[in-house]
C-alpha cells in the first residue's frame, strides 16, 4: 500500500516539477509568500530593475557588479515569456516579459529575497 501511495505522489509531482522549468532549465519558479517567484537554476531569487526598458538593460558597471545579469548561453532561444536581450558587451541576458533578470549579491542562500525593494527600483521577479 505504501509503495502504491508513493508511486501516486511521484506521478503527481513529476509533471508539476517539469512545468516549473523555463528557458532550458536556466529559470525556475518557486512558490513563496510573495507569489510565484522566478529563480535561477540554483534557486537564487531573480529581480527586475525599474530603470530598464523592455528588451534593454540599463544596469552596467557597479550596478552589474551588485546585480549580476542572469546570463543566457550563446544560442539560447526564447521560451514563451522568457526572451534573451543583448547587453552592450555583446553577452546575452535572460528577460521575463521583456524585462532583464538579475541576481543580487547580498542574497546568500536559495530563497533569500533581500534585494526586494532596494532603492525602490529593484523587485522580486514574479510570474
Protein backbone atom coordinates (compact mmCIF):
# COMPACT_ATOMS: atom_id res chain seq x y z
CA UNK A 1 0.00 0.00 0.00
CA UNK A 2 2.79 2.44 0.90
CA UNK A 3 4.52 1.76 -2.40
CA UNK A 4 1.30 2.47 -4.32
CA UNK A 5 0.79 5.75 -2.46
CA UNK A 6 4.42 6.76 -3.07
CA UNK A 7 4.02 5.98 -6.78
CA UNK A 8 0.87 8.12 -6.99
CA UNK A 9 2.57 11.01 -5.21
CA UNK A 10 5.60 10.78 -7.51
CA UNK A 11 3.37 10.67 -10.60
CA UNK A 12 1.57 13.79 -9.43
CA UNK A 13 4.73 15.76 -8.62
CA UNK A 14 6.86 14.98 -11.66
CA UNK A 15 4.71 16.92 -14.20
CA UNK A 16 4.50 19.88 -11.82
CA UNK A 17 8.28 19.97 -11.41
CA UNK A 18 8.79 19.78 -15.16
CA UNK A 19 6.28 22.58 -15.72
CA UNK A 20 8.31 24.81 -13.41
CA UNK A 21 11.47 24.82 -15.59
CA UNK A 22 11.77 27.59 -18.17
CA UNK A 23 14.41 28.86 -20.58
CA UNK A 24 16.07 25.49 -20.94
CA UNK A 25 16.26 24.99 -17.18
CA UNK A 26 18.02 28.32 -16.54
CA UNK A 27 14.92 29.68 -14.77
CA UNK A 28 12.64 28.02 -12.25
CA UNK A 29 9.54 29.11 -10.35
CA UNK A 30 9.25 28.87 -6.57
CA UNK A 31 6.03 29.38 -4.62
CA UNK A 32 6.59 31.95 -1.85
CA UNK A 33 4.54 34.34 0.26
CA UNK A 34 5.25 36.93 -2.47
CA UNK A 35 3.75 34.70 -5.15
CA UNK A 36 5.43 32.51 -7.77
CA UNK A 37 8.94 33.95 -7.73
CA UNK A 38 11.43 33.39 -10.54
CA UNK A 39 14.77 31.88 -9.54
CA UNK A 40 17.88 30.76 -11.33
CA UNK A 41 18.66 27.04 -11.69
CA UNK A 42 20.19 27.07 -8.18
CA UNK A 43 17.11 28.57 -6.53
CA UNK A 44 18.54 32.08 -6.16
CA UNK A 45 15.90 34.81 -6.46
CA UNK A 46 15.72 36.85 -9.66
CA UNK A 47 14.93 40.57 -9.76
CA UNK A 48 13.84 43.25 -12.21
CA UNK A 49 15.07 46.85 -12.35
CA UNK A 50 12.61 49.74 -12.84
CA UNK A 51 15.19 51.71 -14.85
CA UNK A 52 15.40 49.03 -17.53
CA UNK A 53 13.32 49.17 -20.67
CA UNK A 54 11.64 46.20 -22.32
CA UNK A 55 14.39 44.38 -24.19
CA UNK A 56 17.17 46.62 -22.86
CA UNK A 57 19.33 46.51 -19.74
CA UNK A 58 20.44 49.76 -18.15
CA UNK A 59 22.46 48.06 -15.38
CA UNK A 60 26.20 48.15 -16.04
CA UNK A 61 29.48 48.70 -14.20
CA UNK A 62 28.95 48.92 -10.41
CA UNK A 63 25.25 48.19 -10.89
CA UNK A 64 26.03 44.92 -12.68
CA UNK A 65 28.61 44.01 -10.03
CA UNK A 66 25.92 44.26 -7.33
CA UNK A 67 23.13 42.95 -9.55
CA UNK A 68 24.71 40.31 -11.83
CA UNK A 69 22.69 39.77 -15.00
CA UNK A 70 21.24 36.29 -15.45
CA UNK A 71 23.42 35.30 -18.39
CA UNK A 72 21.98 33.29 -21.25
CA UNK A 73 24.17 30.78 -23.05
CA UNK A 74 25.19 31.50 -26.62
CA UNK A 75 22.41 30.34 -28.89
CA UNK A 76 19.76 30.47 -26.14
CA UNK A 77 16.28 30.69 -27.64
CA UNK A 78 13.15 32.47 -26.36
CA UNK A 79 10.75 30.29 -24.38
CA UNK A 80 7.27 31.78 -24.07
CA UNK A 81 7.51 34.91 -21.89
CA UNK A 82 11.27 34.33 -21.47
CA UNK A 83 13.42 36.12 -24.03
CA UNK A 84 17.08 36.96 -24.49
CA UNK A 85 18.37 40.54 -24.61
CA UNK A 86 21.79 41.59 -25.84
CA UNK A 87 23.96 43.58 -23.45
CA UNK A 88 26.32 46.33 -24.64
CA UNK A 89 29.30 43.97 -24.26
CA UNK A 90 27.65 41.51 -26.65
CA UNK A 91 26.74 38.99 -23.95
CA UNK A 92 23.19 37.68 -23.63
CA UNK A 93 20.86 38.04 -20.65
CA UNK A 94 17.54 36.36 -19.86
CA UNK A 95 14.45 38.55 -19.62
CA UNK A 96 10.89 37.92 -18.48
CA UNK A 97 8.15 39.67 -20.44
CA UNK A 98 10.92 41.82 -21.93
CA UNK A 99 12.42 42.89 -18.59
CA UNK A 100 16.02 41.75 -17.97
CA UNK A 101 16.58 39.48 -14.97
CA UNK A 102 19.25 39.88 -12.29
CA UNK A 103 20.61 38.24 -9.17
CA UNK A 104 21.52 40.21 -6.00
CA UNK A 105 24.98 39.76 -4.47
CA UNK A 106 23.63 40.03 -0.93
CA UNK A 107 21.33 37.02 -1.30
CA UNK A 108 23.39 34.27 0.33
CA UNK A 109 21.07 31.28 0.11
CA UNK A 110 18.36 29.93 -2.18
CA UNK A 111 15.08 31.56 -1.25
CA UNK A 112 16.67 34.78 0.08
CA UNK A 113 14.86 37.88 -1.20
CA UNK A 114 16.90 40.65 0.43
CA UNK A 115 17.02 42.67 -2.79
CA UNK A 116 13.28 43.23 -2.98
CA UNK A 117 12.59 46.97 -2.72
CA UNK A 118 16.23 48.13 -2.73
CA UNK A 119 16.21 51.85 -3.57
CA UNK A 120 12.55 51.39 -4.55
CA UNK A 121 13.69 50.28 -8.02
CA UNK A 122 14.53 46.58 -7.56
CA UNK A 123 11.77 44.00 -7.29
CA UNK A 124 11.45 40.26 -6.99
CA UNK A 125 10.54 38.85 -10.41
CA UNK A 126 7.11 37.27 -10.04
CA UNK A 127 5.49 35.03 -12.63
